[in-house]
Structure formats: structure tokens, C-alpha cells
């Protein structure tokens, strides 16, 4: 842990941060072009008291044809032109630099893994090894979604249409692909923020929390599988039941209502309407017992068990994750910084065991409070004479145990006896503790002590 933290703080942290700073910059531009700038007109209309209800409902910039037709002829010199130009510039930057960098990344690592035969067999297909990590497939999905956005870009569909608007995305051809484009944009946004969780490596505690969360996701997936099984079962049963409730007319509508019941999205008015259908009420009651009472509490128990089994090792997993990031970052570290780091360690100088007590070289001295690890015995055995490696190792002239060893062993024995006395309750436990102490001291240690006193 000490070596990992030292290399991370003094060598790899700066390089990793610079690499993620570019990713953060592209994410900010993507959010600006897809989630902020295209809503400015709608926000302005909501804040305008004179706006009509029809014009204040625009979701994206110039979303309604009525809104675009009310634009004056000099709109190209107005604020909306600036917004459209800003959106176009941000999207061009994303397509050229962010998507281009992702394509280069995947081509580079795919060729490297294929050349070195580092592949994973999935049936008859060979998959590069780097895609086994979640960062690899998340980046691949992000690249695919960005390519789909480029192919469905509404501004490109409206370039050849002369409607008096520059960089417009709401022409007739653009409106046809606008919804599909927004789906790809939403998926790409999710992938961007999923990759942002890699920044949790900055803090060991945050990284441990993220790792624990990722390890209990499998339990949630099992819950959703079991819930879907019961939803399909009861949806088919309700569809077979004779009733006139429009909310449960057919399997798809019944399944949707059952999901709403499980996640608490059903209002109380819907339950009141079930009073007119007693048989349907009984089926809904049984489903609530199984899904809400049984499955959800079973999920809580599974999450608790999975967390307890992972909690003891989560800091270790977080440090292993940091080690992986360090290994991936080190090839990008400048050689001058690495040589400066090695020179700052001063491994060729001796390390002091204490003030004026110079030890061997090749170690790293770490200071700690004197009360952190209290030791009553000196663990360093010192011998006089030459320090040459060719010299024979000196023999221990003391044939048996010295006084320090005997008193140290006696102190440990007393401490064990005191722990037994404190753990046992009542007077009986105290007497047994004293008897054990007496019997323990009546052995060789007490005999050796008597022998020494007789000799004196």
C-alpha cells in the first residue's frame, strides 16, 4: 500500500489527471450541445409572460414549426443564430476529436491484441482482450453511439434546404430523424457519465464504494429476472380473466400496470377502481404479496449479504484498482519525472533506525507516532566486528535465554491470564483465572527463577 500510494501521488497522478481533463472537457461540450443550448428558446418562452401555451411547449430549439415561422427575417443576426452556431461547433468538435480519438483507441488496441494473440473466444468469434474490461466495452458503445449520431445528424439533413435559417435542424427531413438522433444522444450521454466513474480512483474510499456497488448489481439483476417472471405470469392470468377494466386489457397493458404496482407508481384511485372487479382484486392482491412483500424483502436480504461478504475486502479491491490504473498510466509518464522520483527516494543512502543509529541502504523511512506501535523489546540484534559480507556470522554467546526473554515471556503469560479473567464472569471465573495463573507460574519459569535465587 505504501509503495502504491507513493507512486500514485508523486508520479502517476498528474499524468492520469491530464488524460481525464481532456475527457471532462469533451463531456462538458457534449452536455452543452445536447442538453443546454437546445433548450434555451424553451426556457426563454417559459419565462416570457406574453408567450402563448403553444409556443411555450417547445422541447428543443425551434422545435415547433409555428415557432420557426414567427421568426423575423433578420434572425440570422440575432441570438438564435449564435445558439445554432454554438451547437454546430460543439457537435463538430465532438465528432472530430472525441469520436476520432475513440476510433483511434479501438483500432490501436484491437491490432495490438490480435497481433499478440491476446483474444477471448466467444463461440466462434475472437474478441480482443481489452474489451473484457468494462472501460473497453463502454468506450466501444460510446463510439458506436457517436457514429450513429453523425449518421442521423439533423443539421446535415437540413443543409441543402433553403429555409432562411443557418444550421437549422427542424426542416422536414430533419424532423424525421430527430427522435432517433435523440435516442442515440441519450445513450451516448449515459456512456459518458458511466466512464466518468473511473475518476473514483482519486479516493480509496470512493473507489471502494463504487466497487461494492458494482458487485451487488448482479443481485439486482436476479431480482429483475424473478420479477419479470411473475409479471408475465400474472399478466397472462389477468388477460385470461373476464373483466372490463381498461387498464388490464391485454398482456402488454397488464404487464405495465403490474410493474407500476411493484415500483409504487400506482395511485390510490386505481386501487379504488378495482372494487368493481372482485376477481381482479384478488389476483392483484396475490401479486402484491409476492412482488412487494416477498421479492423486495428478499432483494434487501441479498444485498445485505452481498455487502457483508464484500465489505471486508473492499479497500483491498480499491487498492488493486488503483494499481491497475497506475500500470496503465506509467507508459505515458515522462522519463525525466520518473528519474526525478527515483533520485528523490535516495535508495543509496542508509536508513536511520534511530537518532544517530545508521542502518542499511535501500529502504524508505516512514515516520509514525511513538504510540502507534508500542514495543517493549528491541527487535534489532547488534553484533560487534566487521560488516564485510565475507566475514562469518558471529555466534550468539548467550547459550540460553537472557533475562529480557524470560521476563518478556512471563509478561505475555500474565497478559493472557488477565484476558481470561476479564472474559469470564462472576467469582468463579476469577478463581479459575487465578488458579490458571498459579499453575502457569509453577512451571519451568518459576523453577528457573527459584534456581537463580538459590544460586545467589
Foldseek 3Di string as FASTA:
>chain_A
DVVLVLCCVQFQVVLVVVVVVVLVVLLVLLCCLQPNLQCPQLVVLVPDPPRDPVSNPAPGHCRDVVVVVPDDLVCCPPPNVVSLVSNVVSLVCCLCPVLVVLVVVVVVQVVVQVVVVQWDDDDPDTHRPVCVDVLNVLSVLLNVLSVVLVVLPQLVVCPPPPPSHHSDRHDPSSVVSVVVNSVSSVSNSVSSVVNVLLVLLVDLVSLLVVVLVVQLVVLVVVLVVVLLVVLQVLLVVLCVDDDDDPCSPHSVSSSVVLVCLLVVNDDPVVVVVCVVPVVVNVSSVVSCCCRNVPSVVVSVVSSVVSCVVSVVCSSVVSSVSSVVSSVVRVVVTDPVSVVVSVVVQQQVAFDAPDVVRTHHGRDGDDDDDCPPDPDPDDPDDDDDDDPDPPDDDDDDPDPDDDPVVLVVVLVVLVVVLVVQLVVDDDPVSVVVSVVVNVVVCVPPSVVVVVVVVVVD
